[in-house]
Amino acid sequence: MNDQNHPLNTLQDIKKMMERSSRFISLSGLSGIAAGVCALAGAWFANNVIKDEYHADDIATMTNGNESLSLNDWLNNELVRIAATTFIAAFVLSFIFTFWRSKRTNTPVWGAQARRLMINVAIPMVVGGIFLFALMQNKIYGFIAPGCLIFYGLALLNASKYTLYEIRYLSMSEILLGIINLWFIGYGIYFWALGFGVLHIIYGTVMWWKYER
C-alpha cells in the first residue's frame, strides 16, 4: 500500500515545491484577523469623534473652510491621527504574524516572491493615493471612502497571482463594496468598517482554518 502511494506523495511534494517557488505563501490568516480588529477599533473611535459636536464643527471647518489646508491642519485633526494609528497598528501586527508563519513554513519573509507581491500591491496603492489626494485638494470628500476600498481591492487583485489564490475573493468583495458605497455617500465610515474590518476578519479566519490550524 505504501509503495502504491509513493508516486502520489512525490507529486504532492513537487506541487508544494513549485507553489513555494512561485507564490508568497507565508501570509497568515491571523494577520487578516488582526488587521480587521484594528480597523473596527479605528472605525469605532472615528465614529465617536464624528458624533461629537465639537469635532463635527472641526470637520466642517476642514471641508468647507479655506481653499487650501496646510499639513499641520491635517496632522492636528483627530480623525487623521486615528487613521494613521490604525494603519500602523494593523501593519505591525500583520508583519509579526506573517513573520511568525514564515519561520514555521521555512519561507523567507523578503524573498523574490515577497518582492513581486509588494511591487504589485504598491502600484495600485500609489496610484490610488495620488487620486485620493487630488480628491481632497478639490474638496470631493464623499468619494474618498469608496475610492479607498476600490483601489485597495484592485491592489489585492493585482497581487493575487503571487500569493494564495483565495485573496481574489477578498479583493473582489472590497471592490464591490466600494462601488456600492458610491451610491451611499456619507456612510463611508460604515463601509470602511465592513470592508477593512469585517471582511478581513472573515478572510483571515477562513485562511487560518484552511492552512494553519
N, C-alpha and C. Protein backbone atom coordinates (compact mmCIF):
# COMPACT_ATOMS: atom_id res chain seq x y z
N MET A 1 0.83 -1.21 0.00
CA MET A 1 0.00 0.00 0.00
C MET A 1 0.87 1.25 0.00
N ASN A 2 1.94 1.23 0.79
CA ASN A 2 2.83 2.38 0.85
C ASN A 2 3.52 2.62 -0.48
N ASP A 3 3.89 1.50 -1.16
CA ASP A 3 4.53 1.64 -2.47
C ASP A 3 3.58 2.25 -3.49
N GLN A 4 2.30 1.94 -3.39
CA GLN A 4 1.32 2.50 -4.32
C GLN A 4 1.11 3.99 -4.09
N ASN A 5 1.22 4.43 -2.84
CA ASN A 5 1.02 5.84 -2.51
C ASN A 5 2.26 6.67 -2.75
N HIS A 6 3.40 6.02 -2.95
CA HIS A 6 4.66 6.77 -3.08
C HIS A 6 4.65 7.74 -4.26
N PRO A 7 4.22 7.34 -5.47
CA PRO A 7 4.17 8.30 -6.59
C PRO A 7 3.26 9.50 -6.31
N LEU A 8 2.12 9.24 -5.65
CA LEU A 8 1.20 10.33 -5.32
C LEU A 8 1.84 11.30 -4.34
N ASN A 9 2.51 10.77 -3.33
CA ASN A 9 3.20 11.63 -2.36
C ASN A 9 4.29 12.45 -3.02
N THR A 10 4.98 11.83 -3.97
CA THR A 10 6.04 12.53 -4.69
C THR A 10 5.47 13.69 -5.49
N LEU A 11 4.35 13.44 -6.18
CA LEU A 11 3.70 14.51 -6.95
C LEU A 11 3.24 15.65 -6.05
N GLN A 12 2.71 15.31 -4.88
CA GLN A 12 2.29 16.34 -3.94
C GLN A 12 3.46 17.16 -3.45
N ASP A 13 4.59 16.51 -3.21
CA ASP A 13 5.79 17.23 -2.78
C ASP A 13 6.29 18.17 -3.88
N ILE A 14 6.24 17.70 -5.12
CA ILE A 14 6.66 18.54 -6.26
C ILE A 14 5.74 19.74 -6.40
N LYS A 15 4.43 19.51 -6.23
CA LYS A 15 3.46 20.60 -6.32
C LYS A 15 3.73 21.65 -5.26
N LYS A 16 4.01 21.21 -4.02
CA LYS A 16 4.30 22.14 -2.94
C LYS A 16 5.57 22.94 -3.23
N MET A 17 6.59 22.28 -3.77
CA MET A 17 7.84 22.98 -4.10
C MET A 17 7.62 24.03 -5.17
N MET A 18 6.81 23.70 -6.18
CA MET A 18 6.52 24.66 -7.25
C MET A 18 5.72 25.83 -6.70
N GLU A 19 4.78 25.56 -5.79
CA GLU A 19 3.99 26.65 -5.20
C GLU A 19 4.88 27.57 -4.38
N ARG A 20 5.81 26.99 -3.63
CA ARG A 20 6.72 27.79 -2.81
C ARG A 20 7.60 28.68 -3.69
N SER A 21 7.97 28.18 -4.87
CA SER A 21 8.88 28.94 -5.73
C SER A 21 8.19 30.05 -6.49
N SER A 22 6.87 29.97 -6.66
CA SER A 22 6.16 30.95 -7.48
C SER A 22 5.22 31.86 -6.69
N ARG A 23 4.89 31.49 -5.43
CA ARG A 23 3.94 32.27 -4.66
C ARG A 23 4.46 32.52 -3.25
N PHE A 24 4.07 33.68 -2.71
CA PHE A 24 4.39 34.00 -1.33
C PHE A 24 3.27 33.44 -0.47
N ILE A 25 3.56 32.33 0.24
CA ILE A 25 2.51 31.60 0.95
C ILE A 25 2.58 31.82 2.45
N SER A 26 3.38 32.78 2.91
CA SER A 26 3.54 32.99 4.35
C SER A 26 2.53 33.97 4.93
N LEU A 27 1.63 34.50 4.09
CA LEU A 27 0.60 35.39 4.63
C LEU A 27 -0.25 34.63 5.64
N SER A 28 -0.32 35.14 6.84
CA SER A 28 -1.02 34.44 7.90
C SER A 28 -2.47 34.90 8.00
N GLY A 29 -3.36 33.93 8.25
CA GLY A 29 -4.75 34.29 8.49
C GLY A 29 -4.90 35.17 9.71
N LEU A 30 -4.01 34.98 10.69
CA LEU A 30 -4.05 35.81 11.89
C LEU A 30 -3.72 37.27 11.55
N SER A 31 -2.94 37.49 10.50
CA SER A 31 -2.65 38.86 10.06
C SER A 31 -3.92 39.56 9.60
N GLY A 32 -4.74 38.82 8.84
CA GLY A 32 -6.01 39.39 8.39
C GLY A 32 -6.95 39.68 9.55
N ILE A 33 -6.99 38.75 10.51
CA ILE A 33 -7.85 38.96 11.68
C ILE A 33 -7.38 40.18 12.47
N ALA A 34 -6.06 40.28 12.69
CA ALA A 34 -5.51 41.42 13.44
C ALA A 34 -5.80 42.74 12.74
N ALA A 35 -5.61 42.77 11.41
CA ALA A 35 -5.88 43.99 10.65
C ALA A 35 -7.36 44.37 10.74
N GLY A 36 -8.23 43.36 10.69
CA GLY A 36 -9.66 43.63 10.78
C GLY A 36 -10.07 44.17 12.13
N VAL A 37 -9.49 43.62 13.20
CA VAL A 37 -9.79 44.11 14.55
C VAL A 37 -9.32 45.55 14.71
N CYS A 38 -8.12 45.85 14.20
CA CYS A 38 -7.61 47.23 14.26
C CYS A 38 -8.53 48.18 13.50
N ALA A 39 -9.01 47.74 12.33
CA ALA A 39 -9.90 48.59 11.53
C ALA A 39 -11.21 48.86 12.24
N LEU A 40 -11.76 47.83 12.88
CA LEU A 40 -13.01 48.03 13.62
C LEU A 40 -12.82 48.96 14.80
N ALA A 41 -11.69 48.80 15.50
CA ALA A 41 -11.41 49.70 16.63
C ALA A 41 -11.24 51.14 16.14
N GLY A 42 -10.51 51.31 15.03
CA GLY A 42 -10.33 52.65 14.48
C GLY A 42 -11.64 53.26 14.03
N ALA A 43 -12.51 52.45 13.41
CA ALA A 43 -13.81 52.95 12.96
C ALA A 43 -14.67 53.36 14.15
N TRP A 44 -14.57 52.60 15.25
CA TRP A 44 -15.35 52.93 16.44
C TRP A 44 -14.91 54.26 17.03
N PHE A 45 -13.60 54.46 17.16
CA PHE A 45 -13.10 55.74 17.67
C PHE A 45 -13.45 56.89 16.73
N ALA A 46 -13.30 56.66 15.42
CA ALA A 46 -13.60 57.72 14.46
C ALA A 46 -15.08 58.08 14.48
N ASN A 47 -15.94 57.08 14.63
CA ASN A 47 -17.37 57.34 14.67
C ASN A 47 -17.75 58.17 15.90
N ASN A 48 -17.08 57.90 17.03
CA ASN A 48 -17.32 58.70 18.23
C ASN A 48 -16.89 60.14 18.03
N VAL A 49 -15.78 60.32 17.32
CA VAL A 49 -15.29 61.68 17.05
C VAL A 49 -16.28 62.42 16.14
N ILE A 50 -16.77 61.71 15.13
CA ILE A 50 -17.71 62.34 14.18
C ILE A 50 -19.00 62.75 14.88
N LYS A 51 -19.45 61.92 15.83
CA LYS A 51 -20.69 62.22 16.55
C LYS A 51 -20.53 63.38 17.53
N ASP A 52 -19.30 63.62 17.95
CA ASP A 52 -19.07 64.68 18.93
C ASP A 52 -19.28 66.04 18.27
N GLU A 53 -20.06 66.89 18.89
CA GLU A 53 -20.42 68.18 18.29
C GLU A 53 -19.21 69.05 18.04
N TYR A 54 -18.26 69.04 18.97
CA TYR A 54 -17.08 69.88 18.82
C TYR A 54 -16.29 69.48 17.59
N HIS A 55 -16.08 68.17 17.44
CA HIS A 55 -15.29 67.72 16.30
C HIS A 55 -16.08 67.79 15.01
N ALA A 56 -17.40 67.72 15.11
CA ALA A 56 -18.20 67.90 13.89
C ALA A 56 -17.95 69.29 13.32
N ASP A 57 -17.84 70.29 14.21
CA ASP A 57 -17.52 71.63 13.74
C ASP A 57 -16.12 71.67 13.14
N ASP A 58 -15.20 70.90 13.74
CA ASP A 58 -13.83 70.86 13.25
C ASP A 58 -13.79 70.27 11.85
N ILE A 59 -14.58 69.20 11.64
CA ILE A 59 -14.63 68.58 10.32
C ILE A 59 -15.25 69.54 9.31
N ALA A 60 -16.28 70.24 9.71
CA ALA A 60 -16.91 71.19 8.80
C ALA A 60 -15.93 72.27 8.40
N THR A 61 -15.09 72.70 9.33
CA THR A 61 -14.08 73.71 9.02
C THR A 61 -13.11 73.19 7.98
N MET A 62 -12.71 71.89 8.13
CA MET A 62 -11.77 71.31 7.19
C MET A 62 -12.38 71.18 5.81
N THR A 63 -13.66 70.83 5.74
CA THR A 63 -14.25 70.55 4.44
C THR A 63 -14.87 71.77 3.78
N ASN A 64 -15.16 72.79 4.56
CA ASN A 64 -15.85 73.94 3.97
C ASN A 64 -15.12 75.26 4.18
N GLY A 65 -13.95 75.19 4.74
CA GLY A 65 -13.22 76.40 5.06
C GLY A 65 -12.41 76.92 3.91
N ASN A 66 -11.14 77.23 4.20
CA ASN A 66 -10.26 77.79 3.19
C ASN A 66 -10.04 76.80 2.05
N GLU A 67 -9.66 77.36 0.92
CA GLU A 67 -9.43 76.52 -0.25
C GLU A 67 -8.25 75.58 -0.06
N SER A 68 -7.22 76.02 0.63
CA SER A 68 -6.03 75.18 0.83
C SER A 68 -5.85 74.91 2.32
N LEU A 69 -5.51 73.68 2.64
CA LEU A 69 -5.28 73.27 4.01
C LEU A 69 -3.81 72.93 4.18
N SER A 70 -3.21 73.42 5.25
CA SER A 70 -1.80 73.15 5.49
C SER A 70 -1.62 71.74 6.02
N LEU A 71 -0.37 71.28 6.00
CA LEU A 71 -0.07 69.96 6.53
C LEU A 71 -0.40 69.88 8.01
N ASN A 72 -0.16 70.96 8.75
CA ASN A 72 -0.48 70.97 10.18
C ASN A 72 -1.97 70.81 10.44
N ASP A 73 -2.80 71.36 9.52
CA ASP A 73 -4.25 71.21 9.67
C ASP A 73 -4.65 69.74 9.66
N TRP A 74 -4.03 68.97 8.75
CA TRP A 74 -4.33 67.55 8.66
C TRP A 74 -3.75 66.78 9.84
N LEU A 75 -2.49 67.09 10.19
CA LEU A 75 -1.83 66.35 11.27
C LEU A 75 -2.49 66.60 12.62
N ASN A 76 -3.06 67.79 12.79
CA ASN A 76 -3.70 68.12 14.06
C ASN A 76 -5.15 67.65 14.14
N ASN A 77 -5.66 67.10 13.03
CA ASN A 77 -7.04 66.62 13.03
C ASN A 77 -7.10 65.22 13.65
N GLU A 78 -8.03 65.02 14.57
CA GLU A 78 -8.09 63.76 15.31
C GLU A 78 -8.43 62.57 14.42
N LEU A 79 -9.26 62.78 13.41
CA LEU A 79 -9.60 61.68 12.51
C LEU A 79 -8.38 61.19 11.76
N VAL A 80 -7.53 62.12 11.33
CA VAL A 80 -6.31 61.74 10.61
C VAL A 80 -5.37 60.97 11.54
N ARG A 81 -5.28 61.40 12.79
CA ARG A 81 -4.42 60.69 13.74
C ARG A 81 -4.95 59.28 14.02
N ILE A 82 -6.26 59.14 14.10
CA ILE A 82 -6.85 57.82 14.31
C ILE A 82 -6.55 56.91 13.12
N ALA A 83 -6.70 57.45 11.92
CA ALA A 83 -6.43 56.66 10.72
C ALA A 83 -4.98 56.22 10.66
N ALA A 84 -4.06 57.14 10.99
CA ALA A 84 -2.64 56.81 10.96
C ALA A 84 -2.30 55.75 12.01
N THR A 85 -2.84 55.91 13.21
CA THR A 85 -2.58 54.94 14.28
C THR A 85 -3.13 53.57 13.92
N THR A 86 -4.33 53.54 13.34
CA THR A 86 -4.94 52.28 12.94
C THR A 86 -4.10 51.58 11.89
N PHE A 87 -3.63 52.33 10.90
CA PHE A 87 -2.82 51.75 9.83
C PHE A 87 -1.51 51.18 10.39
N ILE A 88 -0.84 51.94 11.24
CA ILE A 88 0.44 51.49 11.80
C ILE A 88 0.25 50.23 12.64
N ALA A 89 -0.79 50.23 13.49
CA ALA A 89 -1.05 49.06 14.33
C ALA A 89 -1.36 47.83 13.49
N ALA A 90 -2.19 47.99 12.45
CA ALA A 90 -2.53 46.87 11.59
C ALA A 90 -1.31 46.36 10.84
N PHE A 91 -0.47 47.28 10.36
CA PHE A 91 0.73 46.88 9.62
C PHE A 91 1.70 46.11 10.51
N VAL A 92 1.94 46.62 11.71
CA VAL A 92 2.88 45.97 12.63
C VAL A 92 2.40 44.58 13.01
N LEU A 93 1.12 44.46 13.39
CA LEU A 93 0.58 43.16 13.78
C LEU A 93 0.59 42.18 12.61
N SER A 94 0.25 42.66 11.42
CA SER A 94 0.26 41.80 10.24
C SER A 94 1.66 41.29 9.94
N PHE A 95 2.65 42.17 10.09
CA PHE A 95 4.03 41.76 9.84
C PHE A 95 4.48 40.71 10.87
N ILE A 96 4.11 40.92 12.13
CA ILE A 96 4.51 39.98 13.19
C ILE A 96 3.95 38.59 12.91
N PHE A 97 2.66 38.49 12.59
CA PHE A 97 2.06 37.18 12.34
C PHE A 97 2.61 36.55 11.05
N THR A 98 2.85 37.38 10.02
CA THR A 98 3.42 36.85 8.78
C THR A 98 4.85 36.37 9.01
N PHE A 99 5.63 37.11 9.77
CA PHE A 99 7.00 36.70 10.10
C PHE A 99 6.99 35.39 10.88
N TRP A 100 6.06 35.30 11.81
CA TRP A 100 5.95 34.09 12.62
C TRP A 100 5.63 32.87 11.74
N ARG A 101 4.70 33.05 10.78
CA ARG A 101 4.35 31.92 9.92
C ARG A 101 5.48 31.59 8.94
N SER A 102 6.20 32.61 8.48
CA SER A 102 7.31 32.35 7.57
C SER A 102 8.38 31.47 8.23
N LYS A 103 8.56 31.66 9.53
CA LYS A 103 9.51 30.82 10.25
C LYS A 103 9.00 29.38 10.34
N ARG A 104 7.70 29.23 10.55
CA ARG A 104 7.12 27.89 10.64
C ARG A 104 7.17 27.16 9.30
N THR A 105 6.96 27.89 8.20
CA THR A 105 6.95 27.27 6.87
C THR A 105 8.32 27.31 6.20
N ASN A 106 9.31 27.86 6.91
CA ASN A 106 10.67 27.95 6.38
C ASN A 106 10.70 28.70 5.05
N THR A 107 9.95 29.79 4.99
CA THR A 107 9.88 30.63 3.79
C THR A 107 10.43 32.01 4.12
N PRO A 108 11.36 32.54 3.30
CA PRO A 108 11.91 33.87 3.59
C PRO A 108 10.85 34.95 3.53
N VAL A 109 10.90 35.86 4.49
CA VAL A 109 9.94 36.96 4.53
C VAL A 109 10.15 37.90 3.35
N TRP A 110 11.40 38.11 2.98
CA TRP A 110 11.71 39.06 1.91
C TRP A 110 12.46 38.37 0.78
N GLY A 111 11.84 37.34 0.22
CA GLY A 111 12.41 36.67 -0.92
C GLY A 111 11.90 37.27 -2.22
N ALA A 112 12.17 36.57 -3.32
CA ALA A 112 11.76 37.07 -4.64
C ALA A 112 10.23 37.14 -4.73
N GLN A 113 9.55 36.13 -4.15
CA GLN A 113 8.08 36.14 -4.20
C GLN A 113 7.51 37.32 -3.44
N ALA A 114 8.08 37.62 -2.27
CA ALA A 114 7.58 38.74 -1.47
C ALA A 114 7.80 40.07 -2.19
N ARG A 115 8.93 40.19 -2.87
CA ARG A 115 9.20 41.44 -3.61
C ARG A 115 8.20 41.63 -4.74
N ARG A 116 7.92 40.56 -5.48
CA ARG A 116 6.93 40.66 -6.56
C ARG A 116 5.56 41.01 -5.98
N LEU A 117 5.24 40.41 -4.86
CA LEU A 117 3.95 40.70 -4.22
C LEU A 117 3.85 42.17 -3.84
N MET A 118 4.88 42.70 -3.19
CA MET A 118 4.86 44.08 -2.73
C MET A 118 4.80 45.07 -3.89
N ILE A 119 5.53 44.78 -4.96
CA ILE A 119 5.52 45.67 -6.13
C ILE A 119 4.13 45.74 -6.74
N ASN A 120 3.48 44.58 -6.86
CA ASN A 120 2.16 44.55 -7.48
C ASN A 120 1.08 45.13 -6.57
N VAL A 121 1.30 45.09 -5.26
CA VAL A 121 0.38 45.77 -4.34
C VAL A 121 0.61 47.27 -4.38
N ALA A 122 1.89 47.68 -4.46
CA ALA A 122 2.24 49.10 -4.35
C ALA A 122 1.74 49.93 -5.53
N ILE A 123 1.77 49.37 -6.73
CA ILE A 123 1.42 50.16 -7.92
C ILE A 123 -0.01 50.71 -7.82
N PRO A 124 -1.04 49.87 -7.63
CA PRO A 124 -2.40 50.43 -7.50
C PRO A 124 -2.57 51.29 -6.25
N MET A 125 -1.84 50.96 -5.17
CA MET A 125 -1.97 51.74 -3.94
C MET A 125 -1.41 53.14 -4.12
N VAL A 126 -0.27 53.26 -4.79
CA VAL A 126 0.33 54.57 -5.02
C VAL A 126 -0.55 55.41 -5.95
N VAL A 127 -1.01 54.78 -7.03
CA VAL A 127 -1.90 55.49 -7.96
C VAL A 127 -3.17 55.93 -7.23
N GLY A 128 -3.73 55.03 -6.43
CA GLY A 128 -4.93 55.37 -5.67
C GLY A 128 -4.68 56.49 -4.68
N GLY A 129 -3.50 56.47 -4.03
CA GLY A 129 -3.17 57.53 -3.08
C GLY A 129 -3.10 58.89 -3.75
N ILE A 130 -2.50 58.94 -4.95
CA ILE A 130 -2.42 60.19 -5.70
C ILE A 130 -3.82 60.67 -6.09
N PHE A 131 -4.65 59.72 -6.54
CA PHE A 131 -6.01 60.06 -6.94
C PHE A 131 -6.81 60.60 -5.75
N LEU A 132 -6.71 59.94 -4.60
CA LEU A 132 -7.46 60.37 -3.42
C LEU A 132 -6.94 61.71 -2.89
N PHE A 133 -5.64 61.94 -3.01
CA PHE A 133 -5.08 63.23 -2.60
C PHE A 133 -5.64 64.35 -3.47
N ALA A 134 -5.79 64.06 -4.78
CA ALA A 134 -6.39 65.06 -5.67
C ALA A 134 -7.84 65.33 -5.30
N LEU A 135 -8.58 64.29 -4.88
CA LEU A 135 -9.95 64.48 -4.43
C LEU A 135 -10.00 65.41 -3.22
N MET A 136 -9.08 65.20 -2.27
CA MET A 136 -9.05 66.03 -1.08
C MET A 136 -8.71 67.47 -1.42
N GLN A 137 -7.78 67.66 -2.35
CA GLN A 137 -7.42 69.01 -2.76
C GLN A 137 -8.60 69.74 -3.38
N ASN A 138 -9.45 68.99 -4.07
CA ASN A 138 -10.62 69.59 -4.73
C ASN A 138 -11.88 69.49 -3.88
N LYS A 139 -11.71 69.11 -2.58
CA LYS A 139 -12.81 69.06 -1.62
C LYS A 139 -13.92 68.09 -2.03
N ILE A 140 -13.55 67.00 -2.70
CA ILE A 140 -14.52 65.97 -3.06
C ILE A 140 -14.36 64.85 -2.03
N TYR A 141 -14.81 65.10 -0.82
CA TYR A 141 -14.56 64.18 0.29
C TYR A 141 -15.45 62.96 0.27
N GLY A 142 -16.61 63.07 -0.36
CA GLY A 142 -17.55 61.96 -0.33
C GLY A 142 -17.06 60.71 -1.04
N PHE A 143 -16.13 60.86 -1.98
CA PHE A 143 -15.66 59.72 -2.75
C PHE A 143 -14.35 59.14 -2.21
N ILE A 144 -13.87 59.67 -1.10
CA ILE A 144 -12.62 59.15 -0.54
C ILE A 144 -12.79 57.74 0.00
N ALA A 145 -13.87 57.50 0.78
CA ALA A 145 -14.10 56.18 1.35
C ALA A 145 -14.28 55.10 0.27
N PRO A 146 -15.18 55.30 -0.70
CA PRO A 146 -15.28 54.27 -1.74
C PRO A 146 -14.01 54.14 -2.56
N GLY A 147 -13.30 55.25 -2.77
CA GLY A 147 -12.04 55.19 -3.50
C GLY A 147 -11.01 54.33 -2.80
N CYS A 148 -10.94 54.45 -1.47
CA CYS A 148 -10.00 53.62 -0.70
C CYS A 148 -10.32 52.14 -0.88
N LEU A 149 -11.59 51.78 -0.78
CA LEU A 149 -11.99 50.39 -0.91
C LEU A 149 -11.71 49.86 -2.32
N ILE A 150 -12.02 50.65 -3.32
CA ILE A 150 -11.84 50.21 -4.71
C ILE A 150 -10.36 50.01 -5.04
N PHE A 151 -9.53 51.00 -4.72
CA PHE A 151 -8.11 50.88 -5.05
C PHE A 151 -7.43 49.80 -4.21
N TYR A 152 -7.86 49.63 -2.97
CA TYR A 152 -7.31 48.56 -2.15
C TYR A 152 -7.68 47.19 -2.74
N GLY A 153 -8.93 47.07 -3.18
CA GLY A 153 -9.35 45.82 -3.82
C GLY A 153 -8.57 45.55 -5.10
N LEU A 154 -8.32 46.59 -5.89
CA LEU A 154 -7.53 46.43 -7.11
C LEU A 154 -6.09 46.02 -6.80
N ALA A 155 -5.54 46.57 -5.71
CA ALA A 155 -4.19 46.20 -5.30
C ALA A 155 -4.12 44.72 -4.93
N LEU A 156 -5.12 44.24 -4.18
CA LEU A 156 -5.14 42.83 -3.81
C LEU A 156 -5.33 41.94 -5.03
N LEU A 157 -6.19 42.37 -5.93
CA LEU A 157 -6.42 41.59 -7.15
C LEU A 157 -5.16 41.51 -7.99
N ASN A 158 -4.43 42.62 -8.08
CA ASN A 158 -3.20 42.67 -8.87
C ASN A 158 -2.13 41.76 -8.28
N ALA A 159 -2.14 41.60 -6.96
CA ALA A 159 -1.12 40.80 -6.28
C ALA A 159 -1.53 39.36 -6.07
N SER A 160 -2.78 39.02 -6.39
CA SER A 160 -3.29 37.69 -6.05
C SER A 160 -2.55 36.57 -6.76
N LYS A 161 -1.97 36.85 -7.92
CA LYS A 161 -1.26 35.80 -8.66
C LYS A 161 0.08 35.46 -8.03
N TYR A 162 0.49 36.23 -7.01
CA TYR A 162 1.76 35.97 -6.35
C TYR A 162 1.59 35.46 -4.92
N THR A 163 0.37 35.17 -4.53
CA THR A 163 0.14 34.65 -3.18
C THR A 163 -1.04 33.69 -3.22
N LEU A 164 -1.65 33.40 -2.10
CA LEU A 164 -2.76 32.45 -2.05
C LEU A 164 -3.92 32.95 -2.90
N TYR A 165 -4.46 32.06 -3.74
CA TYR A 165 -5.47 32.50 -4.70
C TYR A 165 -6.75 32.97 -4.05
N GLU A 166 -7.01 32.54 -2.79
CA GLU A 166 -8.24 32.93 -2.10
C GLU A 166 -8.35 34.43 -1.87
N ILE A 167 -7.21 35.12 -1.96
CA ILE A 167 -7.25 36.56 -1.74
C ILE A 167 -8.06 37.27 -2.83
N ARG A 168 -8.29 36.58 -3.95
CA ARG A 168 -9.12 37.15 -5.00
C ARG A 168 -10.55 37.41 -4.50
N TYR A 169 -11.05 36.54 -3.66
CA TYR A 169 -12.41 36.73 -3.14
C TYR A 169 -12.47 37.98 -2.26
N LEU A 170 -11.42 38.18 -1.47
CA LEU A 170 -11.37 39.40 -0.65
C LEU A 170 -11.27 40.63 -1.52
N SER A 171 -10.43 40.56 -2.56
CA SER A 171 -10.25 41.73 -3.43
C SER A 171 -11.54 42.11 -4.15
N MET A 172 -12.24 41.13 -4.67
CA MET A 172 -13.49 41.43 -5.39
C MET A 172 -14.57 41.93 -4.43
N SER A 173 -14.55 41.43 -3.20
CA SER A 173 -15.52 41.92 -2.21
C SER A 173 -15.25 43.38 -1.87
N GLU A 174 -13.97 43.74 -1.73
CA GLU A 174 -13.61 45.13 -1.43
C GLU A 174 -14.03 46.05 -2.58
N ILE A 175 -13.78 45.63 -3.80
CA ILE A 175 -14.15 46.45 -4.96
C ILE A 175 -15.66 46.62 -5.03
N LEU A 176 -16.39 45.53 -4.86
CA LEU A 176 -17.85 45.60 -4.90
C LEU A 176 -18.40 46.51 -3.81
N LEU A 177 -17.83 46.41 -2.62
CA LEU A 177 -18.28 47.25 -1.51
C LEU A 177 -18.01 48.73 -1.81
N GLY A 178 -16.85 49.02 -2.39
CA GLY A 178 -16.53 50.40 -2.76
C GLY A 178 -17.48 50.95 -3.81
N ILE A 179 -17.85 50.11 -4.77
CA ILE A 179 -18.77 50.55 -5.82
C ILE A 179 -20.15 50.85 -5.21
N ILE A 180 -20.61 49.98 -4.32
CA ILE A 180 -21.90 50.22 -3.66
C ILE A 180 -21.86 51.52 -2.86
N ASN A 181 -20.73 51.77 -2.20
CA ASN A 181 -20.57 52.98 -1.39
C ASN A 181 -20.70 54.25 -2.22
N LEU A 182 -20.46 54.17 -3.54
CA LEU A 182 -20.59 55.34 -4.40
C LEU A 182 -22.02 55.88 -4.40
N TRP A 183 -22.97 55.02 -4.11
CA TRP A 183 -24.38 55.44 -4.09
C TRP A 183 -24.88 55.70 -2.67
N PHE A 184 -24.00 55.60 -1.69
CA PHE A 184 -24.36 55.87 -0.31
C PHE A 184 -23.31 56.80 0.32
N ILE A 185 -23.12 57.93 -0.34
CA ILE A 185 -22.15 58.92 0.14
C ILE A 185 -22.59 59.42 1.52
N GLY A 186 -21.65 59.53 2.41
CA GLY A 186 -21.93 59.97 3.76
C GLY A 186 -21.94 58.83 4.77
N TYR A 187 -21.90 57.60 4.26
CA TYR A 187 -21.87 56.42 5.13
C TYR A 187 -20.51 55.71 5.01
N GLY A 188 -19.49 56.45 4.64
CA GLY A 188 -18.19 55.86 4.39
C GLY A 188 -17.60 55.14 5.58
N ILE A 189 -17.82 55.66 6.79
CA ILE A 189 -17.23 55.06 7.98
C ILE A 189 -17.77 53.64 8.18
N TYR A 190 -19.04 53.42 7.82
CA TYR A 190 -19.63 52.09 7.97
C TYR A 190 -19.12 51.13 6.90
N PHE A 191 -18.94 51.65 5.70
CA PHE A 191 -18.39 50.81 4.63
C PHE A 191 -16.93 50.48 4.91
N TRP A 192 -16.19 51.44 5.47
CA TRP A 192 -14.80 51.17 5.87
C TRP A 192 -14.78 50.05 6.92
N ALA A 193 -15.65 50.15 7.92
CA ALA A 193 -15.68 49.14 8.98
C ALA A 193 -16.01 47.76 8.41
N LEU A 194 -16.92 47.73 7.46
CA LEU A 194 -17.30 46.46 6.84
C LEU A 194 -16.18 45.92 5.95
N GLY A 195 -15.60 46.81 5.14
CA GLY A 195 -14.57 46.38 4.19
C GLY A 195 -13.24 46.05 4.83
N PHE A 196 -12.71 46.99 5.60
CA PHE A 196 -11.39 46.80 6.20
C PHE A 196 -11.45 46.03 7.51
N GLY A 197 -12.63 45.98 8.13
CA GLY A 197 -12.78 45.28 9.40
C GLY A 197 -13.37 43.90 9.24
N VAL A 198 -14.67 43.84 8.96
CA VAL A 198 -15.39 42.57 8.94
C VAL A 198 -14.85 41.63 7.86
N LEU A 199 -14.64 42.13 6.65
CA LEU A 199 -14.17 41.26 5.57
C LEU A 199 -12.79 40.69 5.87
N HIS A 200 -11.92 41.50 6.48
CA HIS A 200 -10.59 41.00 6.83
C HIS A 200 -10.68 39.90 7.89
N ILE A 201 -11.56 40.08 8.86
CA ILE A 201 -11.70 39.07 9.91
C ILE A 201 -12.24 37.77 9.31
N ILE A 202 -13.23 37.86 8.43
CA ILE A 202 -13.79 36.66 7.79
C ILE A 202 -12.71 35.97 6.95
N TYR A 203 -12.01 36.75 6.13
CA TYR A 203 -10.96 36.19 5.28
C TYR A 203 -9.86 35.55 6.12
N GLY A 204 -9.40 36.26 7.16
CA GLY A 204 -8.34 35.73 8.00
C GLY A 204 -8.74 34.45 8.71
N THR A 205 -9.99 34.40 9.17
CA THR A 205 -10.48 33.20 9.86
C THR A 205 -10.51 32.01 8.91
N VAL A 206 -11.00 32.23 7.69
CA VAL A 206 -11.06 31.15 6.70
C VAL A 206 -9.65 30.66 6.36
N MET A 207 -8.72 31.59 6.17
CA MET A 207 -7.34 31.21 5.83
C MET A 207 -6.67 30.47 6.99
N TRP A 208 -6.93 30.91 8.20
CA TRP A 208 -6.34 30.20 9.35
C TRP A 208 -6.90 28.80 9.46
N TRP A 209 -8.21 28.67 9.29
CA TRP A 209 -8.86 27.37 9.40
C TRP A 209 -8.36 26.43 8.30
N LYS A 210 -8.12 26.96 7.12
CA LYS A 210 -7.76 26.11 5.97
C LYS A 210 -6.29 25.72 5.96
N TYR A 211 -5.40 26.66 6.37
CA TYR A 211 -3.98 26.41 6.19
C TYR A 211 -3.16 26.31 7.47
N GLU A 212 -3.68 26.82 8.60
CA GLU A 212 -2.81 26.96 9.77
C GLU A 212 -3.23 26.19 11.01
N ARG A 213 -4.47 25.82 11.12
CA ARG A 213 -4.94 25.23 12.38
C ARG A 213 -4.33 23.82 12.58
